[in-house]
Amino acid sequence: MRIVGIDPGFKATGYGFIEYNRPAVKLIETGTIQPKKNQPIQTKLNTVYTLLGQLLEQHNPDVLVLEKLYAHHQYPTTASVLGHVRGVICLLCAQKNIELVEHSVKRIRKAVMGNGNASKIQTQRMVAHVLHVDAHQLTLDASDALALALGYVHIHGREI
């Protein structure tokens, strides 16, 4: 089964494709999509839509695991802007007929790390360890995306 985790962001959207053949997990591709800072919102969203669409076409995942929207009361605008990026990702799932699963960061980190309050750095190190890659080669956005994919395996592994 091929699984892609997506950590949506307006400045950087992390992605990570893995292949799961019980009990083995193999890294396929990971990275970040980073629209240019001074582009208008519609251009940034189109960049995410186009590049992620190409990646989905190339790797043909069975499941896309998307980070649930978290809104902090001090930063309500952030949730609104992030919703735009999530909308583009959900649209791609519908267009490409990919199963969409959403999990919270805490649930994923609990599944992968055993601690829902683990830091981004701790998550990056664990993901690198599990997938046998150098942690320094992973951006935090990419490692969060891979954690989503690995978390899906831990949470749903008996079912898939």
N, C-alpha and C. Protein backbone atom coordinates (compact mmCIF):
# COMPACT_ATOMS: atom_id res chain seq x y z
N MET A 1 0.85 -1.18 0.00
CA MET A 1 0.00 0.00 0.00
C MET A 1 0.89 1.23 0.00
N ARG A 2 0.53 2.18 -0.83
CA ARG A 2 1.28 3.43 -0.90
C ARG A 2 0.49 4.51 -0.16
N ILE A 3 1.20 5.22 0.74
CA ILE A 3 0.59 6.22 1.61
C ILE A 3 1.38 7.51 1.48
N VAL A 4 0.66 8.63 1.40
CA VAL A 4 1.31 9.94 1.40
C VAL A 4 0.78 10.73 2.59
N GLY A 5 1.70 11.32 3.34
CA GLY A 5 1.35 12.24 4.41
C GLY A 5 1.58 13.65 3.92
N ILE A 6 0.67 14.55 4.28
CA ILE A 6 0.78 15.95 3.87
C ILE A 6 0.66 16.84 5.10
N ASP A 7 1.68 17.68 5.30
CA ASP A 7 1.67 18.69 6.35
C ASP A 7 1.41 20.02 5.65
N PRO A 8 0.14 20.47 5.63
CA PRO A 8 -0.19 21.67 4.86
C PRO A 8 0.34 22.94 5.50
N GLY A 9 0.83 23.83 4.67
CA GLY A 9 1.30 25.12 5.14
C GLY A 9 1.29 26.12 4.01
N PHE A 10 1.15 27.36 4.35
CA PHE A 10 1.11 28.40 3.32
C PHE A 10 2.52 28.75 2.86
N LYS A 11 3.48 28.72 3.77
CA LYS A 11 4.86 28.99 3.40
C LYS A 11 5.54 27.73 2.87
N ALA A 12 5.22 26.59 3.46
CA ALA A 12 5.81 25.32 3.03
C ALA A 12 4.82 24.19 3.32
N THR A 13 4.56 23.38 2.33
CA THR A 13 3.72 22.19 2.47
C THR A 13 4.63 20.98 2.38
N GLY A 14 4.72 20.24 3.47
CA GLY A 14 5.56 19.04 3.49
C GLY A 14 4.79 17.85 2.94
N TYR A 15 5.51 16.96 2.26
CA TYR A 15 4.90 15.73 1.76
C TYR A 15 5.88 14.58 1.97
N GLY A 16 5.31 13.38 2.13
CA GLY A 16 6.13 12.20 2.30
C GLY A 16 5.39 10.96 1.82
N PHE A 17 5.95 10.29 0.83
CA PHE A 17 5.36 9.07 0.28
C PHE A 17 6.10 7.86 0.83
N ILE A 18 5.36 6.89 1.35
CA ILE A 18 5.95 5.64 1.81
C ILE A 18 5.21 4.46 1.18
N GLU A 19 5.89 3.34 1.14
CA GLU A 19 5.29 2.08 0.70
C GLU A 19 5.23 1.17 1.92
N TYR A 20 4.05 0.61 2.18
CA TYR A 20 3.88 -0.28 3.33
C TYR A 20 3.51 -1.66 2.83
N ASN A 21 4.41 -2.61 3.04
CA ASN A 21 4.17 -4.03 2.79
C ASN A 21 4.47 -4.73 4.10
N ARG A 22 3.42 -5.03 4.84
CA ARG A 22 3.56 -5.58 6.18
C ARG A 22 4.68 -6.59 6.27
N PRO A 23 5.64 -6.44 7.14
CA PRO A 23 5.77 -5.40 8.16
C PRO A 23 6.70 -4.27 7.73
N ALA A 24 7.16 -4.28 6.49
CA ALA A 24 8.19 -3.32 6.05
C ALA A 24 7.58 -2.00 5.59
N VAL A 25 8.30 -0.91 5.91
CA VAL A 25 7.95 0.43 5.45
C VAL A 25 9.16 0.98 4.70
N LYS A 26 8.92 1.52 3.51
CA LYS A 26 10.01 2.03 2.68
C LYS A 26 9.70 3.46 2.24
N LEU A 27 10.68 4.33 2.36
CA LEU A 27 10.55 5.72 1.90
C LEU A 27 10.59 5.75 0.38
N ILE A 28 9.61 6.43 -0.21
CA ILE A 28 9.57 6.60 -1.67
C ILE A 28 10.11 7.97 -2.05
N GLU A 29 9.50 9.03 -1.48
CA GLU A 29 9.95 10.40 -1.76
C GLU A 29 9.41 11.32 -0.69
N THR A 30 10.17 12.35 -0.38
CA THR A 30 9.74 13.35 0.58
C THR A 30 10.31 14.71 0.18
N GLY A 31 9.66 15.76 0.64
CA GLY A 31 10.14 17.11 0.33
C GLY A 31 9.13 18.16 0.76
N THR A 32 9.36 19.37 0.30
CA THR A 32 8.44 20.47 0.61
C THR A 32 8.13 21.25 -0.66
N ILE A 33 6.93 21.79 -0.68
CA ILE A 33 6.51 22.70 -1.75
C ILE A 33 6.50 24.08 -1.12
N GLN A 34 7.30 24.99 -1.69
CA GLN A 34 7.44 26.33 -1.11
C GLN A 34 7.15 27.41 -2.15
N PRO A 35 5.91 27.90 -2.17
CA PRO A 35 5.61 29.02 -3.08
C PRO A 35 6.45 30.24 -2.72
N LYS A 36 6.66 31.10 -3.69
CA LYS A 36 7.45 32.32 -3.44
C LYS A 36 6.70 33.26 -2.51
N LYS A 37 7.44 33.93 -1.65
CA LYS A 37 6.86 34.77 -0.59
C LYS A 37 5.96 35.88 -1.11
N ASN A 38 6.38 36.57 -2.13
CA ASN A 38 5.64 37.77 -2.54
C ASN A 38 4.61 37.51 -3.63
N GLN A 39 4.21 36.27 -3.83
CA GLN A 39 3.17 35.97 -4.81
C GLN A 39 1.79 36.19 -4.19
N PRO A 40 0.80 36.50 -5.01
CA PRO A 40 -0.56 36.60 -4.48
C PRO A 40 -1.08 35.23 -4.06
N ILE A 41 -2.10 35.22 -3.20
CA ILE A 41 -2.62 33.98 -2.63
C ILE A 41 -3.03 32.98 -3.71
N GLN A 42 -3.67 33.44 -4.77
CA GLN A 42 -4.14 32.51 -5.80
C GLN A 42 -2.96 31.82 -6.51
N THR A 43 -1.85 32.52 -6.64
CA THR A 43 -0.67 31.93 -7.28
C THR A 43 -0.02 30.91 -6.36
N LYS A 44 0.04 31.23 -5.07
CA LYS A 44 0.60 30.28 -4.10
C LYS A 44 -0.24 29.00 -4.07
N LEU A 45 -1.56 29.16 -4.03
CA LEU A 45 -2.43 27.99 -4.01
C LEU A 45 -2.29 27.18 -5.30
N ASN A 46 -2.15 27.86 -6.42
CA ASN A 46 -1.96 27.15 -7.69
C ASN A 46 -0.64 26.38 -7.71
N THR A 47 0.39 26.95 -7.09
CA THR A 47 1.68 26.25 -7.00
C THR A 47 1.52 24.95 -6.23
N VAL A 48 0.86 25.01 -5.08
CA VAL A 48 0.63 23.79 -4.28
C VAL A 48 -0.21 22.80 -5.08
N TYR A 49 -1.28 23.29 -5.69
CA TYR A 49 -2.19 22.43 -6.46
C TYR A 49 -1.45 21.74 -7.61
N THR A 50 -0.68 22.48 -8.36
CA THR A 50 0.01 21.94 -9.53
C THR A 50 1.11 20.95 -9.14
N LEU A 51 1.99 21.36 -8.23
CA LEU A 51 3.11 20.49 -7.86
C LEU A 51 2.65 19.25 -7.10
N LEU A 52 1.72 19.41 -6.18
CA LEU A 52 1.22 18.25 -5.45
C LEU A 52 0.44 17.33 -6.39
N GLY A 53 -0.31 17.93 -7.31
CA GLY A 53 -1.03 17.12 -8.30
C GLY A 53 -0.08 16.25 -9.13
N GLN A 54 1.04 16.82 -9.53
CA GLN A 54 2.05 16.06 -10.29
C GLN A 54 2.62 14.92 -9.45
N LEU A 55 2.91 15.20 -8.18
CA LEU A 55 3.44 14.16 -7.29
C LEU A 55 2.44 13.03 -7.08
N LEU A 56 1.18 13.39 -6.89
CA LEU A 56 0.14 12.37 -6.71
C LEU A 56 -0.01 11.52 -7.97
N GLU A 57 0.07 12.16 -9.11
CA GLU A 57 -0.01 11.43 -10.39
C GLU A 57 1.17 10.48 -10.54
N GLN A 58 2.34 10.95 -10.18
CA GLN A 58 3.56 10.16 -10.32
C GLN A 58 3.59 8.95 -9.38
N HIS A 59 3.19 9.15 -8.12
CA HIS A 59 3.33 8.09 -7.11
C HIS A 59 2.05 7.31 -6.84
N ASN A 60 0.91 7.81 -7.29
CA ASN A 60 -0.37 7.11 -7.23
C ASN A 60 -0.64 6.46 -5.85
N PRO A 61 -0.75 7.28 -4.79
CA PRO A 61 -0.98 6.70 -3.46
C PRO A 61 -2.41 6.17 -3.31
N ASP A 62 -2.55 5.20 -2.40
CA ASP A 62 -3.86 4.66 -2.07
C ASP A 62 -4.58 5.54 -1.05
N VAL A 63 -3.78 6.15 -0.16
CA VAL A 63 -4.33 6.95 0.94
C VAL A 63 -3.51 8.23 1.08
N LEU A 64 -4.20 9.32 1.36
CA LEU A 64 -3.55 10.59 1.69
C LEU A 64 -3.93 10.92 3.13
N VAL A 65 -2.93 11.09 3.97
CA VAL A 65 -3.15 11.42 5.38
C VAL A 65 -2.83 12.89 5.56
N LEU A 66 -3.85 13.63 5.97
CA LEU A 66 -3.76 15.08 6.08
C LEU A 66 -3.83 15.49 7.55
N GLU A 67 -2.97 16.42 7.93
CA GLU A 67 -3.00 16.93 9.29
C GLU A 67 -4.29 17.70 9.52
N LYS A 68 -5.00 17.35 10.60
CA LYS A 68 -6.24 18.06 10.95
C LYS A 68 -5.93 19.52 11.24
N LEU A 69 -6.90 20.35 10.95
CA LEU A 69 -6.75 21.78 11.20
C LEU A 69 -6.76 22.04 12.71
N TYR A 70 -5.76 22.78 13.14
CA TYR A 70 -5.67 23.19 14.53
C TYR A 70 -5.68 24.71 14.55
N ALA A 71 -6.60 25.28 15.30
CA ALA A 71 -6.69 26.74 15.37
C ALA A 71 -6.38 27.20 16.79
N HIS A 72 -5.35 28.00 16.92
CA HIS A 72 -5.01 28.58 18.21
C HIS A 72 -5.75 29.89 18.35
N HIS A 73 -6.33 30.11 19.50
CA HIS A 73 -7.16 31.31 19.70
C HIS A 73 -6.39 32.61 19.49
N GLN A 74 -5.07 32.59 19.64
CA GLN A 74 -4.29 33.81 19.45
C GLN A 74 -4.03 34.11 17.97
N TYR A 75 -4.19 33.10 17.11
CA TYR A 75 -3.86 33.26 15.69
C TYR A 75 -5.00 32.76 14.80
N PRO A 76 -6.18 33.38 14.88
CA PRO A 76 -7.32 32.88 14.10
C PRO A 76 -7.12 33.00 12.59
N THR A 77 -6.37 33.97 12.14
CA THR A 77 -6.15 34.15 10.69
C THR A 77 -5.34 33.00 10.11
N THR A 78 -4.42 32.47 10.90
CA THR A 78 -3.59 31.36 10.44
C THR A 78 -4.46 30.17 10.05
N ALA A 79 -5.46 29.84 10.85
CA ALA A 79 -6.35 28.72 10.55
C ALA A 79 -7.11 28.97 9.26
N SER A 80 -7.54 30.19 9.05
CA SER A 80 -8.27 30.54 7.83
C SER A 80 -7.41 30.36 6.59
N VAL A 81 -6.19 30.87 6.65
CA VAL A 81 -5.27 30.76 5.51
C VAL A 81 -4.90 29.30 5.27
N LEU A 82 -4.64 28.57 6.34
CA LEU A 82 -4.30 27.16 6.23
C LEU A 82 -5.46 26.37 5.62
N GLY A 83 -6.67 26.81 5.90
CA GLY A 83 -7.86 26.17 5.32
C GLY A 83 -7.87 26.23 3.80
N HIS A 84 -7.31 27.29 3.23
CA HIS A 84 -7.22 27.39 1.78
C HIS A 84 -6.33 26.27 1.22
N VAL A 85 -5.20 26.06 1.84
CA VAL A 85 -4.26 25.03 1.38
C VAL A 85 -4.89 23.65 1.56
N ARG A 86 -5.53 23.42 2.69
CA ARG A 86 -6.20 22.14 2.93
C ARG A 86 -7.30 21.91 1.90
N GLY A 87 -8.01 22.97 1.52
CA GLY A 87 -9.06 22.84 0.51
C GLY A 87 -8.51 22.36 -0.82
N VAL A 88 -7.37 22.90 -1.21
CA VAL A 88 -6.72 22.48 -2.46
C VAL A 88 -6.35 21.00 -2.38
N ILE A 89 -5.84 20.57 -1.23
CA ILE A 89 -5.43 19.17 -1.06
C ILE A 89 -6.66 18.26 -1.09
N CYS A 90 -7.73 18.65 -0.42
CA CYS A 90 -8.96 17.86 -0.44
C CYS A 90 -9.53 17.76 -1.86
N LEU A 91 -9.47 18.84 -2.60
CA LEU A 91 -9.93 18.84 -3.99
C LEU A 91 -9.12 17.85 -4.82
N LEU A 92 -7.81 17.85 -4.65
CA LEU A 92 -6.96 16.90 -5.38
C LEU A 92 -7.33 15.45 -5.05
N CYS A 93 -7.64 15.18 -3.79
CA CYS A 93 -8.06 13.83 -3.41
C CYS A 93 -9.33 13.43 -4.14
N ALA A 94 -10.28 14.33 -4.22
CA ALA A 94 -11.53 14.04 -4.92
C ALA A 94 -11.28 13.83 -6.41
N GLN A 95 -10.48 14.69 -7.01
CA GLN A 95 -10.22 14.58 -8.44
C GLN A 95 -9.46 13.32 -8.80
N LYS A 96 -8.57 12.87 -7.93
CA LYS A 96 -7.71 11.72 -8.23
C LYS A 96 -8.22 10.44 -7.55
N ASN A 97 -9.38 10.54 -6.90
CA ASN A 97 -10.01 9.40 -6.26
C ASN A 97 -9.08 8.72 -5.25
N ILE A 98 -8.49 9.52 -4.37
CA ILE A 98 -7.59 9.04 -3.33
C ILE A 98 -8.33 9.13 -2.00
N GLU A 99 -8.26 8.06 -1.22
CA GLU A 99 -8.88 8.08 0.09
C GLU A 99 -8.21 9.14 0.97
N LEU A 100 -9.01 9.95 1.62
CA LEU A 100 -8.51 11.02 2.49
C LEU A 100 -8.77 10.63 3.95
N VAL A 101 -7.71 10.68 4.76
CA VAL A 101 -7.81 10.39 6.19
C VAL A 101 -7.18 11.58 6.92
N GLU A 102 -7.84 12.04 7.97
CA GLU A 102 -7.31 13.15 8.75
C GLU A 102 -7.01 12.69 10.17
N HIS A 103 -5.87 13.13 10.68
CA HIS A 103 -5.49 12.84 12.06
C HIS A 103 -4.88 14.09 12.67
N SER A 104 -5.06 14.24 13.97
CA SER A 104 -4.46 15.37 14.68
C SER A 104 -2.97 15.11 14.88
N VAL A 105 -2.22 16.17 15.05
CA VAL A 105 -0.79 16.08 15.31
C VAL A 105 -0.54 15.24 16.56
N LYS A 106 -1.31 15.49 17.60
CA LYS A 106 -1.12 14.76 18.86
C LYS A 106 -1.34 13.26 18.68
N ARG A 107 -2.36 12.89 17.92
CA ARG A 107 -2.62 11.46 17.72
C ARG A 107 -1.49 10.80 16.92
N ILE A 108 -1.00 11.50 15.91
CA ILE A 108 0.09 10.97 15.09
C ILE A 108 1.36 10.83 15.93
N ARG A 109 1.69 11.86 16.69
CA ARG A 109 2.91 11.81 17.50
C ARG A 109 2.81 10.75 18.59
N LYS A 110 1.62 10.54 19.12
CA LYS A 110 1.43 9.47 20.11
C LYS A 110 1.67 8.12 19.44
N ALA A 111 1.18 7.93 18.22
CA ALA A 111 1.34 6.66 17.51
C ALA A 111 2.80 6.40 17.13
N VAL A 112 3.49 7.43 16.66
CA VAL A 112 4.86 7.26 16.17
C VAL A 112 5.88 7.34 17.30
N MET A 113 5.68 8.28 18.22
CA MET A 113 6.68 8.55 19.26
C MET A 113 6.30 7.98 20.62
N GLY A 114 5.02 7.69 20.81
CA GLY A 114 4.57 7.28 22.13
C GLY A 114 4.27 8.46 23.03
N ASN A 115 4.39 9.67 22.47
CA ASN A 115 4.17 10.90 23.23
C ASN A 115 3.52 11.93 22.31
N GLY A 116 2.27 12.24 22.58
CA GLY A 116 1.54 13.21 21.75
C GLY A 116 2.08 14.62 21.82
N ASN A 117 2.90 14.89 22.85
CA ASN A 117 3.48 16.23 23.01
C ASN A 117 4.94 16.29 22.55
N ALA A 118 5.38 15.30 21.80
CA ALA A 118 6.76 15.30 21.30
C ALA A 118 6.99 16.54 20.44
N SER A 119 8.21 17.02 20.42
CA SER A 119 8.55 18.21 19.63
C SER A 119 8.75 17.84 18.16
N LYS A 120 8.82 18.87 17.35
CA LYS A 120 9.09 18.67 15.92
C LYS A 120 10.47 18.02 15.72
N ILE A 121 11.44 18.43 16.50
CA ILE A 121 12.80 17.88 16.40
C ILE A 121 12.81 16.41 16.79
N GLN A 122 12.12 16.05 17.88
CA GLN A 122 12.03 14.65 18.29
C GLN A 122 11.35 13.82 17.20
N THR A 123 10.31 14.38 16.61
CA THR A 123 9.60 13.68 15.55
C THR A 123 10.52 13.48 14.35
N GLN A 124 11.25 14.52 13.99
CA GLN A 124 12.18 14.44 12.87
C GLN A 124 13.20 13.32 13.08
N ARG A 125 13.75 13.24 14.28
CA ARG A 125 14.75 12.21 14.59
C ARG A 125 14.16 10.80 14.53
N MET A 126 12.94 10.64 15.06
CA MET A 126 12.31 9.31 15.05
C MET A 126 11.97 8.89 13.63
N VAL A 127 11.43 9.79 12.84
CA VAL A 127 11.09 9.48 11.45
C VAL A 127 12.35 9.08 10.69
N ALA A 128 13.42 9.83 10.89
CA ALA A 128 14.70 9.51 10.22
C ALA A 128 15.19 8.13 10.64
N HIS A 129 15.08 7.83 11.91
CA HIS A 129 15.51 6.53 12.42
C HIS A 129 14.69 5.39 11.81
N VAL A 130 13.38 5.53 11.82
CA VAL A 130 12.49 4.48 11.30
C VAL A 130 12.71 4.25 9.81
N LEU A 131 12.95 5.33 9.07
CA LEU A 131 13.10 5.21 7.61
C LEU A 131 14.56 5.12 7.16
N HIS A 132 15.49 5.08 8.12
CA HIS A 132 16.92 4.90 7.82
C HIS A 132 17.47 6.00 6.91
N VAL A 133 17.17 7.24 7.28
CA VAL A 133 17.71 8.40 6.55
C VAL A 133 18.36 9.34 7.56
N ASP A 134 19.18 10.23 7.06
CA ASP A 134 19.83 11.23 7.91
C ASP A 134 18.82 12.30 8.27
N ALA A 135 18.64 12.54 9.56
CA ALA A 135 17.66 13.54 10.03
C ALA A 135 17.94 14.92 9.45
N HIS A 136 19.21 15.23 9.19
CA HIS A 136 19.56 16.55 8.65
C HIS A 136 19.08 16.73 7.21
N GLN A 137 18.74 15.63 6.54
CA GLN A 137 18.25 15.72 5.17
C GLN A 137 16.75 15.99 5.10
N LEU A 138 16.09 15.93 6.25
CA LEU A 138 14.64 16.14 6.30
C LEU A 138 14.32 17.53 6.84
N THR A 139 13.52 18.28 6.12
CA THR A 139 13.00 19.52 6.70
C THR A 139 11.97 19.13 7.75
N LEU A 140 11.65 20.05 8.64
CA LEU A 140 10.64 19.77 9.66
C LEU A 140 9.28 19.50 9.02
N ASP A 141 8.97 20.21 7.94
CA ASP A 141 7.69 20.00 7.25
C ASP A 141 7.64 18.61 6.61
N ALA A 142 8.74 18.19 6.01
CA ALA A 142 8.80 16.87 5.39
C ALA A 142 8.72 15.77 6.45
N SER A 143 9.43 15.94 7.56
CA SER A 143 9.40 14.91 8.60
C SER A 143 8.01 14.84 9.25
N ASP A 144 7.33 15.97 9.40
CA ASP A 144 5.94 15.94 9.91
C ASP A 144 5.03 15.20 8.94
N ALA A 145 5.23 15.40 7.65
CA ALA A 145 4.43 14.70 6.64
C ALA A 145 4.68 13.19 6.70
N LEU A 146 5.95 12.82 6.82
CA LEU A 146 6.28 11.39 6.93
C LEU A 146 5.73 10.80 8.22
N ALA A 147 5.73 11.59 9.30
CA ALA A 147 5.14 11.12 10.56
C ALA A 147 3.65 10.82 10.37
N LEU A 148 2.96 11.64 9.58
CA LEU A 148 1.54 11.39 9.30
C LEU A 148 1.37 10.05 8.59
N ALA A 149 2.20 9.78 7.60
CA ALA A 149 2.11 8.51 6.87
C ALA A 149 2.45 7.33 7.78
N LEU A 150 3.52 7.46 8.57
CA LEU A 150 3.90 6.40 9.50
C LEU A 150 2.85 6.21 10.59
N GLY A 151 2.29 7.30 11.06
CA GLY A 151 1.23 7.23 12.06
C GLY A 151 0.03 6.48 11.54
N TYR A 152 -0.30 6.70 10.28
CA TYR A 152 -1.41 5.95 9.66
C TYR A 152 -1.13 4.46 9.73
N VAL A 153 0.10 4.06 9.43
CA VAL A 153 0.47 2.65 9.49
C VAL A 153 0.31 2.12 10.91
N HIS A 154 0.76 2.87 11.91
CA HIS A 154 0.65 2.43 13.31
C HIS A 154 -0.81 2.34 13.75
N ILE A 155 -1.62 3.31 13.36
CA ILE A 155 -3.02 3.36 13.79
C ILE A 155 -3.87 2.34 13.05
N HIS A 156 -3.65 2.21 11.76
CA HIS A 156 -4.52 1.36 10.93
C HIS A 156 -3.83 0.09 10.42
N GLY A 157 -2.62 -0.18 10.88
CA GLY A 157 -1.80 -1.27 10.34
C GLY A 157 -2.46 -2.63 10.32
N ARG A 158 -3.26 -2.94 11.30
CA ARG A 158 -3.92 -4.25 11.33
C ARG A 158 -5.02 -4.34 10.28
N GLU A 159 -5.55 -3.20 9.89
CA GLU A 159 -6.66 -3.17 8.92
C GLU A 159 -6.19 -3.17 7.49
N ILE A 160 -4.91 -2.80 7.25
CA ILE A 160 -4.44 -2.68 5.87
C ILE A 160 -3.48 -3.79 5.48
